[in-house]
């Protein structure tokens, strides 16, 4: 029997850089607190769209893919989900602590398990335990609401971001997994749609303007020298190196390893927030409940992996 080869060292390096890059987004967004949340979220996605555009054109010319009406509707739905995710998550950064925002926005595996119960789909026992432990941790963590920057409305907004990302992931799983849609043919239109929707949202709800003289409230204010480096980092770091690095790691590492690694985002993001002085030391209940949320999310991911493996190999074990 042929033994599987160990992943190369550079695979772990790529994954480590990618997870660190993704985890830094919240702290960098908080450095831009002079800009309203929806507007700075739209800046990130505008810049990311520009970076993705050349890759989209290249794949459009070089890759064959059967576009149909359903594909366009799914891409539109995915873009709407990404709009809600980024809008609610970045808004939450102004209304709760960075640690709480990252804990709740990365809790989407728990939402998926809850959805399985609602649809009367039997989850794996580890998924069930993960959901129970994660919810228990969330109940403990929200006890800090009202102390310092932590608020229930901010936590709820971050959690809404987690709910929205479930739809985005489902759309990506269908088009990228089942339909084998090339990466940038999917990523660019979804990102562009969410950027456009966030920009419109910022105009109507935050008073964003086309006046380039008012940099902090301008739709294209990110191109000004005062913001372009931070926005460029968000687009190239978390936006490109982060997500692209995670996708690249799939060549050598199992999806389970990558998924569980991303669960470290609240911990790494919190540490980076303290280093950049945009995050205070969390209060007691965050320290108590946060590890339970991280543990529950990791268990839910591992349980999902076991369930899918058992479905593909029903006679094993």
Protein backbone atom coordinates (compact mmCIF):
# COMPACT_ATOMS: atom_id res chain seq x y z
CA UNK A 1 0.00 0.00 0.00
CA UNK A 2 1.43 3.38 -1.02
CA UNK A 3 2.01 5.73 1.90
CA UNK A 4 0.87 9.33 1.60
CA UNK A 5 3.70 11.84 1.53
CA UNK A 6 4.05 14.35 4.34
CA UNK A 7 3.13 17.92 3.35
CA UNK A 8 6.18 20.00 2.37
CA UNK A 9 7.44 22.62 4.81
CA UNK A 10 6.51 25.48 2.49
CA UNK A 11 2.87 24.37 2.62
CA UNK A 12 2.80 25.11 6.35
CA UNK A 13 4.61 28.41 5.76
CA UNK A 14 2.03 29.46 3.16
CA UNK A 15 -0.84 28.47 5.46
CA UNK A 16 0.71 30.27 8.43
CA UNK A 17 1.18 33.50 6.47
CA UNK A 18 -2.37 33.22 5.07
CA UNK A 19 -4.00 32.70 8.48
CA UNK A 20 -1.96 35.56 9.98
CA UNK A 21 -2.94 37.83 7.08
CA UNK A 22 -6.65 37.02 7.42
CA UNK A 23 -6.46 37.49 11.19
CA UNK A 24 -4.97 40.98 10.85
CA UNK A 25 -7.94 42.45 8.96
CA UNK A 26 -9.97 43.40 12.04
CA UNK A 27 -7.10 45.26 13.71
CA UNK A 28 -6.28 47.16 10.50
CA UNK A 29 -9.94 48.12 10.03
CA UNK A 30 -9.89 49.54 13.57
CA UNK A 31 -6.91 51.72 12.63
CA UNK A 32 -9.30 53.34 10.14
CA UNK A 33 -11.95 54.25 12.73
CA UNK A 34 -12.11 57.85 11.46
CA UNK A 35 -13.99 56.44 8.43
CA UNK A 36 -17.54 55.15 8.79
CA UNK A 37 -17.75 51.34 8.86
CA UNK A 38 -19.72 50.64 5.68
CA UNK A 39 -17.54 53.02 3.70
CA UNK A 40 -14.26 51.48 4.83
CA UNK A 41 -15.67 47.99 4.16
CA UNK A 42 -16.55 49.14 0.63
CA UNK A 43 -13.03 50.54 0.19
CA UNK A 44 -11.54 47.13 1.01
CA UNK A 45 -13.73 45.37 -1.54
CA UNK A 46 -13.28 48.06 -4.21
CA UNK A 47 -9.51 47.68 -3.97
CA UNK A 48 -9.73 43.87 -3.90
CA UNK A 49 -11.93 43.94 -7.02
CA UNK A 50 -9.32 45.98 -8.89
CA UNK A 51 -6.62 43.46 -7.94
CA UNK A 52 -8.80 40.51 -9.00
CA UNK A 53 -9.85 42.04 -12.33
CA UNK A 54 -6.70 41.14 -14.36
CA UNK A 55 -6.89 37.54 -13.12
CA UNK A 56 -10.57 37.44 -14.06
CA UNK A 57 -9.84 38.66 -17.60
CA UNK A 58 -7.01 36.14 -17.93
CA UNK A 59 -9.20 33.21 -16.88
CA UNK A 60 -12.11 34.47 -18.97
CA UNK A 61 -9.86 34.18 -22.04
CA UNK A 62 -8.02 31.00 -21.10
CA UNK A 63 -10.57 28.88 -19.20
CA UNK A 64 -13.77 27.38 -20.53
CA UNK A 65 -16.83 27.48 -18.30
CA UNK A 66 -20.49 26.96 -19.12
CA UNK A 67 -22.23 30.13 -17.92
CA UNK A 68 -25.98 29.86 -17.45
CA UNK A 69 -28.77 31.80 -15.78
CA UNK A 70 -28.51 29.85 -12.52
CA UNK A 71 -24.81 30.68 -12.30
CA UNK A 72 -25.55 34.40 -12.52
CA UNK A 73 -28.24 34.15 -9.81
CA UNK A 74 -25.93 32.22 -7.50
CA UNK A 75 -23.12 34.74 -8.03
CA UNK A 76 -25.56 37.57 -7.27
CA UNK A 77 -26.73 35.81 -4.11
CA UNK A 78 -23.13 35.20 -3.05
CA UNK A 79 -22.30 38.88 -3.60
CA UNK A 80 -25.30 39.91 -1.47
CA UNK A 81 -24.16 37.57 1.30
CA UNK A 82 -20.63 39.02 1.15
CA UNK A 83 -22.11 42.55 1.32
CA UNK A 84 -24.06 41.66 4.47
CA UNK A 85 -21.06 39.85 5.96
CA UNK A 86 -18.57 42.68 5.51
CA UNK A 87 -21.03 45.43 6.32
CA UNK A 88 -22.25 43.90 9.57
CA UNK A 89 -18.81 42.68 10.65
CA UNK A 90 -16.97 45.98 10.09
CA UNK A 91 -19.90 47.81 11.73
CA UNK A 92 -19.53 45.51 14.74
CA UNK A 93 -15.88 46.58 15.15
CA UNK A 94 -17.17 50.05 16.10
CA UNK A 95 -19.74 48.66 18.54
CA UNK A 96 -18.01 45.84 20.42
CA UNK A 97 -14.49 44.72 21.22
CA UNK A 98 -12.21 43.28 18.55
CA UNK A 99 -12.04 39.99 20.45
CA UNK A 100 -15.83 39.66 20.58
CA UNK A 101 -16.24 40.67 16.95
CA UNK A 102 -13.80 38.00 15.78
CA UNK A 103 -15.23 35.33 18.07
CA UNK A 104 -18.78 35.81 16.81
CA UNK A 105 -18.01 36.38 13.12
CA UNK A 106 -16.03 33.13 12.93
CA UNK A 107 -18.82 31.08 14.57
CA UNK A 108 -20.38 30.05 11.25
CA UNK A 109 -19.69 26.31 11.74
CA UNK A 110 -22.03 26.48 14.75
CA UNK A 111 -24.69 28.11 12.57
CA UNK A 112 -24.37 25.32 10.02
CA UNK A 113 -24.94 22.71 12.75
CA UNK A 114 -27.99 24.63 14.00
CA UNK A 115 -29.30 24.68 10.42
CA UNK A 116 -28.90 20.92 10.23
CA UNK A 117 -31.06 20.49 13.32
CA UNK A 118 -33.67 22.83 11.82
CA UNK A 119 -33.71 20.77 8.61
CA UNK A 120 -33.84 17.53 10.64
CA UNK A 121 -30.47 16.39 9.33
CA UNK A 122 -28.60 14.25 11.86
CA UNK A 123 -25.23 15.84 12.64
CA UNK A 124 -22.17 13.94 13.78
CA UNK A 125 -21.92 13.70 17.58
CA UNK A 126 -18.85 15.96 17.54
CA UNK A 127 -20.78 18.56 15.57
CA UNK A 128 -23.49 18.41 18.24
CA UNK A 129 -20.99 18.71 21.09
CA UNK A 130 -19.21 21.50 19.24
CA UNK A 131 -22.45 23.45 18.91
CA UNK A 132 -23.33 22.94 22.58
CA UNK A 133 -19.86 23.97 23.78
CA UNK A 134 -19.74 26.93 21.36
CA UNK A 135 -23.14 28.27 22.40
CA UNK A 136 -22.19 27.81 26.06
CA UNK A 137 -19.06 29.86 25.42
CA UNK A 138 -21.06 32.58 23.67
CA UNK A 139 -23.45 32.81 26.63
CA UNK A 140 -20.48 33.26 28.95
CA UNK A 141 -18.72 35.76 26.68
CA UNK A 142 -21.72 38.10 26.34
CA UNK A 143 -21.73 38.55 30.12
CA UNK A 144 -19.12 41.24 29.40
CA UNK A 145 -21.75 43.30 27.52
CA UNK A 146 -21.86 46.78 28.98
CA UNK A 147 -18.32 46.61 30.36
CA UNK A 148 -15.91 48.59 28.21
CA UNK A 149 -16.50 48.45 24.45
CA UNK A 150 -18.53 45.20 24.51
CA UNK A 151 -22.21 45.55 23.56
CA UNK A 152 -24.92 43.05 22.70
CA UNK A 153 -25.78 44.92 19.48
CA UNK A 154 -22.14 44.77 18.39
CA UNK A 155 -21.92 41.05 19.14
CA UNK A 156 -25.21 40.50 17.28
CA UNK A 157 -23.89 42.38 14.23
CA UNK A 158 -20.77 40.19 14.15
CA UNK A 159 -22.97 37.11 14.45
CA UNK A 160 -25.08 38.36 11.53
CA UNK A 161 -21.83 38.48 9.57
CA UNK A 162 -21.28 34.81 10.43
CA UNK A 163 -24.80 33.92 9.26
CA UNK A 164 -24.25 35.75 5.96
CA UNK A 165 -20.94 34.02 5.28
CA UNK A 166 -22.71 30.65 5.39
CA UNK A 167 -24.60 31.63 2.21
CA UNK A 168 -21.37 32.84 0.61
CA UNK A 169 -19.63 29.55 1.45
CA UNK A 170 -22.57 27.50 0.16
CA UNK A 171 -22.52 29.37 -3.16
CA UNK A 172 -18.77 28.93 -3.46
CA UNK A 173 -19.01 25.24 -2.62
CA UNK A 174 -21.59 24.75 -5.39
CA UNK A 175 -19.87 26.76 -8.12
CA UNK A 176 -16.23 26.04 -7.22
CA UNK A 177 -16.75 22.48 -6.00
CA UNK A 178 -19.60 20.92 -7.96
CA UNK A 179 -19.45 23.08 -11.09
CA UNK A 180 -15.63 23.48 -10.97
CA UNK A 181 -15.86 27.17 -11.76
CA UNK A 182 -12.35 28.74 -12.07
CA UNK A 183 -11.31 30.70 -8.99
CA UNK A 184 -11.17 34.22 -10.38
CA UNK A 185 -14.25 33.82 -12.59
CA UNK A 186 -16.08 33.34 -9.31
CA UNK A 187 -14.13 35.62 -6.96
CA UNK A 188 -14.12 38.82 -9.05
CA UNK A 189 -17.85 39.22 -9.82
CA UNK A 190 -18.83 38.26 -6.26
CA UNK A 191 -16.36 40.76 -4.80
CA UNK A 192 -17.37 43.48 -7.28
CA UNK A 193 -21.09 43.01 -6.55
CA UNK A 194 -20.52 43.26 -2.80
CA UNK A 195 -18.30 46.33 -3.30
CA UNK A 196 -21.00 48.08 -5.33
CA UNK A 197 -23.73 47.22 -2.81
CA UNK A 198 -21.60 48.37 0.13
CA UNK A 199 -20.78 51.63 -1.65
CA UNK A 200 -24.47 52.32 -2.34
CA UNK A 201 -25.29 51.39 1.26
CA UNK A 202 -22.63 53.81 2.55
CA UNK A 203 -24.01 56.61 0.36
CA UNK A 204 -27.57 56.25 1.63
CA UNK A 205 -26.96 55.36 5.29
CA UNK A 206 -23.69 57.15 6.09
CA UNK A 207 -23.76 60.11 3.73
CA UNK A 208 -20.77 59.00 1.67
CA UNK A 209 -20.13 61.34 -1.25
CA UNK A 210 -18.39 61.48 -4.62
CA UNK A 211 -16.57 64.65 -3.51
CA UNK A 212 -12.90 63.67 -3.49
CA UNK A 213 -12.05 66.73 -1.37
CA UNK A 214 -13.81 65.11 1.61
CA UNK A 215 -11.42 62.17 1.83
CA UNK A 216 -12.84 60.46 4.92
CA UNK A 217 -16.36 60.40 3.48
CA UNK A 218 -15.56 60.00 -0.21
CA UNK A 219 -16.64 56.88 -2.08
CA UNK A 220 -13.13 56.69 -3.55
CA UNK A 221 -11.33 58.20 -0.56
CA UNK A 222 -9.19 55.11 -0.18
CA UNK A 223 -7.10 56.26 -3.16
CA UNK A 224 -5.88 59.27 -1.14
CA UNK A 225 -2.38 59.06 0.29
CA UNK A 226 -3.76 59.10 3.86
CA UNK A 227 -5.54 55.76 3.40
CA UNK A 228 -4.16 54.00 0.34
CA UNK A 229 -1.47 52.05 2.20
CA UNK A 230 -3.87 50.59 4.77
CA UNK A 231 -6.48 49.77 2.12
CA UNK A 232 -3.81 48.30 -0.16
CA UNK A 233 -2.69 46.11 2.72
CA UNK A 234 -6.27 44.94 3.32
CA UNK A 235 -6.65 44.10 -0.37
CA UNK A 236 -3.24 42.46 -0.84
CA UNK A 237 -2.84 40.97 2.65
CA UNK A 238 -6.14 39.52 3.96
CA UNK A 239 -7.86 39.88 0.58
CA UNK A 240 -5.34 38.24 -1.75
CA UNK A 241 -2.47 36.62 0.18
CA UNK A 242 -4.82 35.45 2.92
CA UNK A 243 -7.63 33.86 0.95
CA UNK A 244 -5.47 32.89 -2.03
CA UNK A 245 -2.88 31.39 0.31
CA UNK A 246 -5.56 29.32 2.02
CA UNK A 247 -6.77 28.08 -1.35
CA UNK A 248 -3.18 27.34 -2.42
CA UNK A 249 -2.61 25.31 0.75
CA UNK A 250 -5.33 22.91 -0.33
CA UNK A 251 -2.84 21.48 -2.83
CA UNK A 252 -0.85 19.90 0.00
CA UNK A 253 -2.96 20.06 3.17
CA UNK A 254 -6.35 18.49 4.00
CA UNK A 255 -9.30 20.93 4.18
CA UNK A 256 -9.84 19.92 7.82
CA UNK A 257 -6.36 21.16 8.82
CA UNK A 258 -6.95 24.45 7.05
CA UNK A 259 -10.44 24.94 8.50
CA UNK A 260 -9.28 24.32 12.06
CA UNK A 261 -6.27 26.63 11.52
CA UNK A 262 -8.60 29.49 10.58
CA UNK A 263 -10.36 29.04 13.94
CA UNK A 264 -7.25 30.67 15.44
CA UNK A 265 -8.31 33.99 13.87
CA UNK A 266 -9.93 35.42 17.05
CA UNK A 267 -6.81 34.64 19.10
CA UNK A 268 -4.31 35.93 16.54
CA UNK A 269 -6.48 38.93 15.67
CA UNK A 270 -6.82 39.85 19.34
CA UNK A 271 -3.05 39.69 19.87
CA UNK A 272 -2.45 41.86 16.80
CA UNK A 273 -5.07 44.29 18.08
CA UNK A 274 -3.21 44.63 21.38
CA UNK A 275 0.11 45.12 19.56
CA UNK A 276 -1.41 47.87 17.39
CA UNK A 277 -3.11 49.38 20.47
CA UNK A 278 -6.64 49.15 19.06
CA UNK A 279 -7.75 46.43 21.49
CA UNK A 280 -7.81 46.56 25.28
CA UNK A 281 -7.13 43.47 27.35
CA UNK A 282 -10.45 41.54 27.29
CA UNK A 283 -12.56 41.37 30.42
CA UNK A 284 -13.00 38.23 32.53
CA UNK A 285 -15.98 36.63 30.77
CA UNK A 286 -14.33 36.97 27.36
CA UNK A 287 -11.36 35.00 28.69
CA UNK A 288 -13.74 32.38 30.12
CA UNK A 289 -16.19 32.08 27.21
CA UNK A 290 -13.83 32.71 24.29
CA UNK A 291 -11.91 29.43 24.57
CA UNK A 292 -15.19 27.51 24.74
CA UNK A 293 -16.34 29.22 21.51
CA UNK A 294 -13.04 28.41 19.76
CA UNK A 295 -13.12 24.82 21.04
CA UNK A 296 -16.75 24.37 19.99
CA UNK A 297 -16.12 25.74 16.52
CA UNK A 298 -13.10 23.45 16.06
CA UNK A 299 -15.11 20.42 17.24
CA UNK A 300 -17.93 21.28 14.82
CA UNK A 301 -15.46 21.44 11.93
CA UNK A 302 -13.86 18.12 12.90
CA UNK A 303 -17.28 16.53 13.29
CA UNK A 304 -18.32 17.76 9.84
CA UNK A 305 -15.19 16.18 8.38
CA UNK A 306 -16.02 12.85 10.05
CA UNK A 307 -19.63 12.98 8.87
CA UNK A 308 -18.69 13.68 5.26
CA UNK A 309 -16.05 10.94 5.36
CA UNK A 310 -18.58 8.45 6.70
CA UNK A 311 -21.09 9.46 4.00
CA UNK A 312 -18.47 8.84 1.29
CA UNK A 313 -17.33 5.56 2.89
CA UNK A 314 -20.46 4.12 4.56
CA UNK A 315 -18.95 0.65 4.95
CA UNK A 316 -15.81 1.80 6.74
CA UNK A 317 -15.50 1.33 10.48
